[in-house]
Amino acid sequence: MRKFALNLKIIIMIKHELKDDQLHISIENKDFSYRIPLSKLESLIDWKVGRDKSNVLIIKNVSKWTLKLFTRNITTMNDVREFKGIVQQYCPDNTIDWAETEKAVNVQSHYANLVLDLKKENLSEVQIIANLKKKYKLD
């Protein structure tokens, strides 16, 4: 019987470096990089999903920078979790609700996909928000 050893290594998708109290972040295969002041790395926001201001989903206490970095382009939860590790490395006492942050990224991505299908399926903005509220159990 032969035994095989696998050489597994962790692939780092987010490169980061601390310079002059700013975190320099670049994400592999993306054409952008960010410089985030360390003092703002743990900033919280209430994320709003939807176009109609009277009918939006609000997800509270989420990471402002996670949503800025990972809701405009296709991303994976591994990217989000890797960024979470970076935030926790530099701001270990942060008050970010990471479960809600992951939910916000998922809801925003799902919303963006539904908006693209809006014309095909003849859905209204109200129907899209209602579907997301039900699926993600949001108020």
C-alpha atoms as a PDB file:
ATOM      1  CA  MET A   1       0.000   0.000   0.000  1.00  0.00           C
ATOM      2  CA  ARG A   2       1.390   3.392  -0.978  1.00  0.00           C
ATOM      3  CA  LYS A   3       0.905   6.498   1.027  1.00  0.00           C
ATOM      4  CA  PHE A   4       0.674   9.840  -0.676  1.00  0.00           C
ATOM      5  CA  ALA A   5       1.479  13.086   0.990  1.00  0.00           C
ATOM      6  CA  LEU A   6      -0.305  16.136  -0.298  1.00  0.00           C
ATOM      7  CA  ASN A   7       1.530  19.390  -0.266  1.00  0.00           C
ATOM      8  CA  LEU A   8      -1.313  21.748   0.556  1.00  0.00           C
ATOM      9  CA  LYS A   9      -0.658  25.417   0.840  1.00  0.00           C
ATOM     10  CA  ILE A  10      -2.911  28.302   1.641  1.00  0.00           C
ATOM     11  CA  ILE A  11      -3.403  30.631  -1.273  1.00  0.00           C
ATOM     12  CA  ILE A  12      -3.352  34.243  -0.212  1.00  0.00           C
ATOM     13  CA  MET A  13      -5.656  36.288  -2.405  1.00  0.00           C
ATOM     14  CA  ILE A  14      -5.375  39.556  -0.495  1.00  0.00           C
ATOM     15  CA  LYS A  15      -1.986  41.153  -0.140  1.00  0.00           C
ATOM     16  CA  HIS A  16      -1.617  43.694   2.600  1.00  0.00           C
ATOM     17  CA  GLU A  17       1.059  45.823   4.147  1.00  0.00           C
ATOM     18  CA  LEU A  18       1.018  48.428   6.889  1.00  0.00           C
ATOM     19  CA  LYS A  19       2.745  51.715   6.009  1.00  0.00           C
ATOM     20  CA  ASP A  20       2.423  55.004   7.881  1.00  0.00           C
ATOM     21  CA  ASP A  21      -0.730  53.913   9.756  1.00  0.00           C
ATOM     22  CA  GLN A  22      -2.419  52.936   6.490  1.00  0.00           C
ATOM     23  CA  LEU A  23      -3.227  49.415   5.419  1.00  0.00           C
ATOM     24  CA  HIS A  24      -2.336  48.954   1.759  1.00  0.00           C
ATOM     25  CA  ILE A  25      -4.540  46.214   0.296  1.00  0.00           C
ATOM     26  CA  SER A  26      -4.508  44.669  -3.147  1.00  0.00           C
ATOM     27  CA  ILE A  27      -6.660  41.762  -4.209  1.00  0.00           C
ATOM     28  CA  GLU A  28      -5.340  39.220  -6.678  1.00  0.00           C
ATOM     29  CA  ASN A  29      -6.948  39.318 -10.139  1.00  0.00           C
ATOM     30  CA  LYS A  30      -8.575  42.675  -9.423  1.00  0.00           C
ATOM     31  CA  ASP A  31      -7.501  45.922 -10.964  1.00  0.00           C
ATOM     32  CA  PHE A  32      -7.695  48.000  -7.818  1.00  0.00           C
ATOM     33  CA  SER A  33      -5.981  48.529  -4.520  1.00  0.00           C
ATOM     34  CA  TYR A  34      -6.965  50.454  -1.441  1.00  0.00           C
ATOM     35  CA  ARG A  35      -5.220  52.421   1.244  1.00  0.00           C
ATOM     36  CA  ILE A  36      -7.302  52.275   4.383  1.00  0.00           C
ATOM     37  CA  PRO A  37      -6.356  54.371   7.411  1.00  0.00           C
ATOM     38  CA  LEU A  38      -5.843  51.959  10.281  1.00  0.00           C
ATOM     39  CA  SER A  39      -8.130  54.084  12.444  1.00  0.00           C
ATOM     40  CA  LYS A  40     -11.007  53.465   9.992  1.00  0.00           C
ATOM     41  CA  LEU A  41     -10.435  49.768   9.313  1.00  0.00           C
ATOM     42  CA  GLU A  42     -13.093  48.710  11.811  1.00  0.00           C
ATOM     43  CA  SER A  43     -15.718  51.260  10.674  1.00  0.00           C
ATOM     44  CA  LEU A  44     -19.327  50.094  10.903  1.00  0.00           C
ATOM     45  CA  ILE A  45     -22.286  50.991   8.719  1.00  0.00           C
ATOM     46  CA  ASP A  46     -25.888  49.984   8.286  1.00  0.00           C
ATOM     47  CA  TRP A  47     -25.861  48.535   4.759  1.00  0.00           C
ATOM     48  CA  LYS A  48     -28.861  49.313   2.572  1.00  0.00           C
ATOM     49  CA  VAL A  49     -29.845  47.057  -0.307  1.00  0.00           C
ATOM     50  CA  GLY A  50     -32.249  48.343  -2.937  1.00  0.00           C
ATOM     51  CA  ARG A  51     -32.847  51.380  -5.119  1.00  0.00           C
ATOM     52  CA  ASP A  52     -36.143  52.651  -3.768  1.00  0.00           C
ATOM     53  CA  LYS A  53     -35.414  54.531  -0.528  1.00  0.00           C
ATOM     54  CA  SER A  54     -38.851  53.675   0.853  1.00  0.00           C
ATOM     55  CA  ASN A  55     -38.366  49.941   0.291  1.00  0.00           C
ATOM     56  CA  VAL A  56     -34.826  48.863   1.206  1.00  0.00           C
ATOM     57  CA  LEU A  57     -33.284  46.092   3.245  1.00  0.00           C
ATOM     58  CA  ILE A  58     -31.079  47.291   6.088  1.00  0.00           C
ATOM     59  CA  ILE A  59     -28.408  45.090   7.630  1.00  0.00           C
ATOM     60  CA  LYS A  60     -26.852  46.659  10.730  1.00  0.00           C
ATOM     61  CA  ASN A  61     -23.352  46.844  12.182  1.00  0.00           C
ATOM     62  CA  VAL A  62     -21.507  45.501   9.177  1.00  0.00           C
ATOM     63  CA  SER A  63     -17.954  46.167   8.066  1.00  0.00           C
ATOM     64  CA  LYS A  64     -17.886  49.237   5.840  1.00  0.00           C
ATOM     65  CA  TRP A  65     -14.678  48.159   4.126  1.00  0.00           C
ATOM     66  CA  THR A  66     -15.762  44.567   3.537  1.00  0.00           C
ATOM     67  CA  LEU A  67     -18.807  45.833   1.676  1.00  0.00           C
ATOM     68  CA  LYS A  68     -16.807  48.410  -0.273  1.00  0.00           C
ATOM     69  CA  LEU A  69     -14.269  45.802  -1.308  1.00  0.00           C
ATOM     70  CA  PHE A  70     -16.475  42.807  -2.010  1.00  0.00           C
ATOM     71  CA  THR A  71     -19.883  43.882  -3.318  1.00  0.00           C
ATOM     72  CA  ARG A  72     -18.936  45.622  -6.546  1.00  0.00           C
ATOM     73  CA  ASN A  73     -17.284  42.630  -8.193  1.00  0.00           C
ATOM     74  CA  ILE A  74     -17.781  38.903  -8.079  1.00  0.00           C
ATOM     75  CA  THR A  75     -16.170  37.554  -4.948  1.00  0.00           C
ATOM     76  CA  THR A  76     -16.192  34.510  -2.742  1.00  0.00           C
ATOM     77  CA  MET A  77     -16.784  34.143   0.954  1.00  0.00           C
ATOM     78  CA  ASN A  78     -13.166  33.018   1.223  1.00  0.00           C
ATOM     79  CA  ASP A  79     -12.141  36.563   0.216  1.00  0.00           C
ATOM     80  CA  VAL A  80     -14.427  38.002   2.871  1.00  0.00           C
ATOM     81  CA  ARG A  81     -13.114  35.629   5.531  1.00  0.00           C
ATOM     82  CA  GLU A  82      -9.523  36.422   4.576  1.00  0.00           C
ATOM     83  CA  PHE A  83     -10.257  40.141   4.925  1.00  0.00           C
ATOM     84  CA  LYS A  84     -11.908  39.449   8.292  1.00  0.00           C
ATOM     85  CA  GLY A  85      -8.637  37.847   9.431  1.00  0.00           C
ATOM     86  CA  ILE A  86      -6.718  40.941   8.336  1.00  0.00           C
ATOM     87  CA  VAL A  87      -9.096  43.239  10.230  1.00  0.00           C
ATOM     88  CA  GLN A  88      -8.834  41.071  13.330  1.00  0.00           C
ATOM     89  CA  GLN A  89      -5.042  41.105  13.056  1.00  0.00           C
ATOM     90  CA  TYR A  90      -4.880  44.905  13.176  1.00  0.00           C
ATOM     91  CA  CYS A  91      -8.052  45.617  15.192  1.00  0.00           C
ATOM     92  CA  PRO A  92      -8.581  42.620  17.480  1.00  0.00           C
ATOM     93  CA  ASP A  93     -11.218  44.398  19.592  1.00  0.00           C
ATOM     94  CA  ASN A  94     -13.439  45.420  16.666  1.00  0.00           C
ATOM     95  CA  THR A  95     -17.226  45.363  17.081  1.00  0.00           C
ATOM     96  CA  ILE A  96     -18.056  44.284  13.545  1.00  0.00           C
ATOM     97  CA  ASP A  97     -20.859  41.735  13.320  1.00  0.00           C
ATOM     98  CA  TRP A  98     -19.147  39.338  10.916  1.00  0.00           C
ATOM     99  CA  ALA A  99     -22.166  37.050  10.484  1.00  0.00           C
ATOM    100  CA  GLU A 100     -24.249  40.061   9.422  1.00  0.00           C
ATOM    101  CA  THR A 101     -21.406  41.286   7.206  1.00  0.00           C
ATOM    102  CA  GLU A 102     -21.306  37.958   5.360  1.00  0.00           C
ATOM    103  CA  LYS A 103     -25.098  38.062   5.080  1.00  0.00           C
ATOM    104  CA  ALA A 104     -24.902  41.606   3.655  1.00  0.00           C
ATOM    105  CA  VAL A 105     -22.393  40.521   0.987  1.00  0.00           C
ATOM    106  CA  ASN A 106     -24.635  37.574   0.042  1.00  0.00           C
ATOM    107  CA  VAL A 107     -27.811  39.688  -0.043  1.00  0.00           C
ATOM    108  CA  GLN A 108     -26.128  42.425  -2.110  1.00  0.00           C
ATOM    109  CA  SER A 109     -24.756  39.876  -4.595  1.00  0.00           C
ATOM    110  CA  HIS A 110     -28.107  38.131  -4.853  1.00  0.00           C
ATOM    111  CA  TYR A 111     -29.848  41.493  -5.313  1.00  0.00           C
ATOM    112  CA  ALA A 112     -27.434  42.443  -8.121  1.00  0.00           C
ATOM    113  CA  ASN A 113     -28.147  39.143  -9.905  1.00  0.00           C
ATOM    114  CA  LEU A 114     -31.907  39.586  -9.555  1.00  0.00           C
ATOM    115  CA  VAL A 115     -31.713  43.133 -10.917  1.00  0.00           C
ATOM    116  CA  LEU A 116     -29.923  41.767 -13.984  1.00  0.00           C
ATOM    117  CA  ASP A 117     -32.746  39.250 -14.431  1.00  0.00           C
ATOM    118  CA  LEU A 118     -35.390  41.908 -13.750  1.00  0.00           C
ATOM    119  CA  LYS A 119     -36.294  42.366 -17.397  1.00  0.00           C
ATOM    120  CA  LYS A 120     -36.243  38.659 -18.224  1.00  0.00           C
ATOM    121  CA  GLU A 121     -38.560  37.595 -15.407  1.00  0.00           C
ATOM    122  CA  ASN A 122     -40.656  40.744 -15.287  1.00  0.00           C
ATOM    123  CA  LEU A 123     -39.951  41.319 -11.588  1.00  0.00           C
ATOM    124  CA  SER A 124     -40.405  44.662  -9.904  1.00  0.00           C
ATOM    125  CA  GLU A 125     -38.053  46.176  -7.337  1.00  0.00           C
ATOM    126  CA  VAL A 126     -40.717  45.528  -4.684  1.00  0.00           C
ATOM    127  CA  GLN A 127     -40.865  41.836  -5.615  1.00  0.00           C
ATOM    128  CA  ILE A 128     -37.081  41.522  -5.538  1.00  0.00           C
ATOM    129  CA  ILE A 129     -36.865  43.054  -2.051  1.00  0.00           C
ATOM    130  CA  ALA A 130     -39.741  40.856  -0.833  1.00  0.00           C
ATOM    131  CA  ASN A 131     -37.997  37.726  -2.167  1.00  0.00           C
ATOM    132  CA  LEU A 132     -34.721  38.685  -0.468  1.00  0.00           C
ATOM    133  CA  LYS A 133     -36.481  39.471   2.834  1.00  0.00           C
ATOM    134  CA  LYS A 134     -38.055  36.029   2.795  1.00  0.00           C
ATOM    135  CA  LYS A 135     -34.943  34.118   1.721  1.00  0.00           C
ATOM    136  CA  TYR A 136     -32.571  35.802   4.195  1.00  0.00           C
ATOM    137  CA  LYS A 137     -35.185  36.242   6.973  1.00  0.00           C
ATOM    138  CA  LEU A 138     -34.811  40.031   7.130  1.00  0.00           C
ATOM    139  CA  ASP A 139     -37.290  42.529   8.492  1.00  0.00           C
END
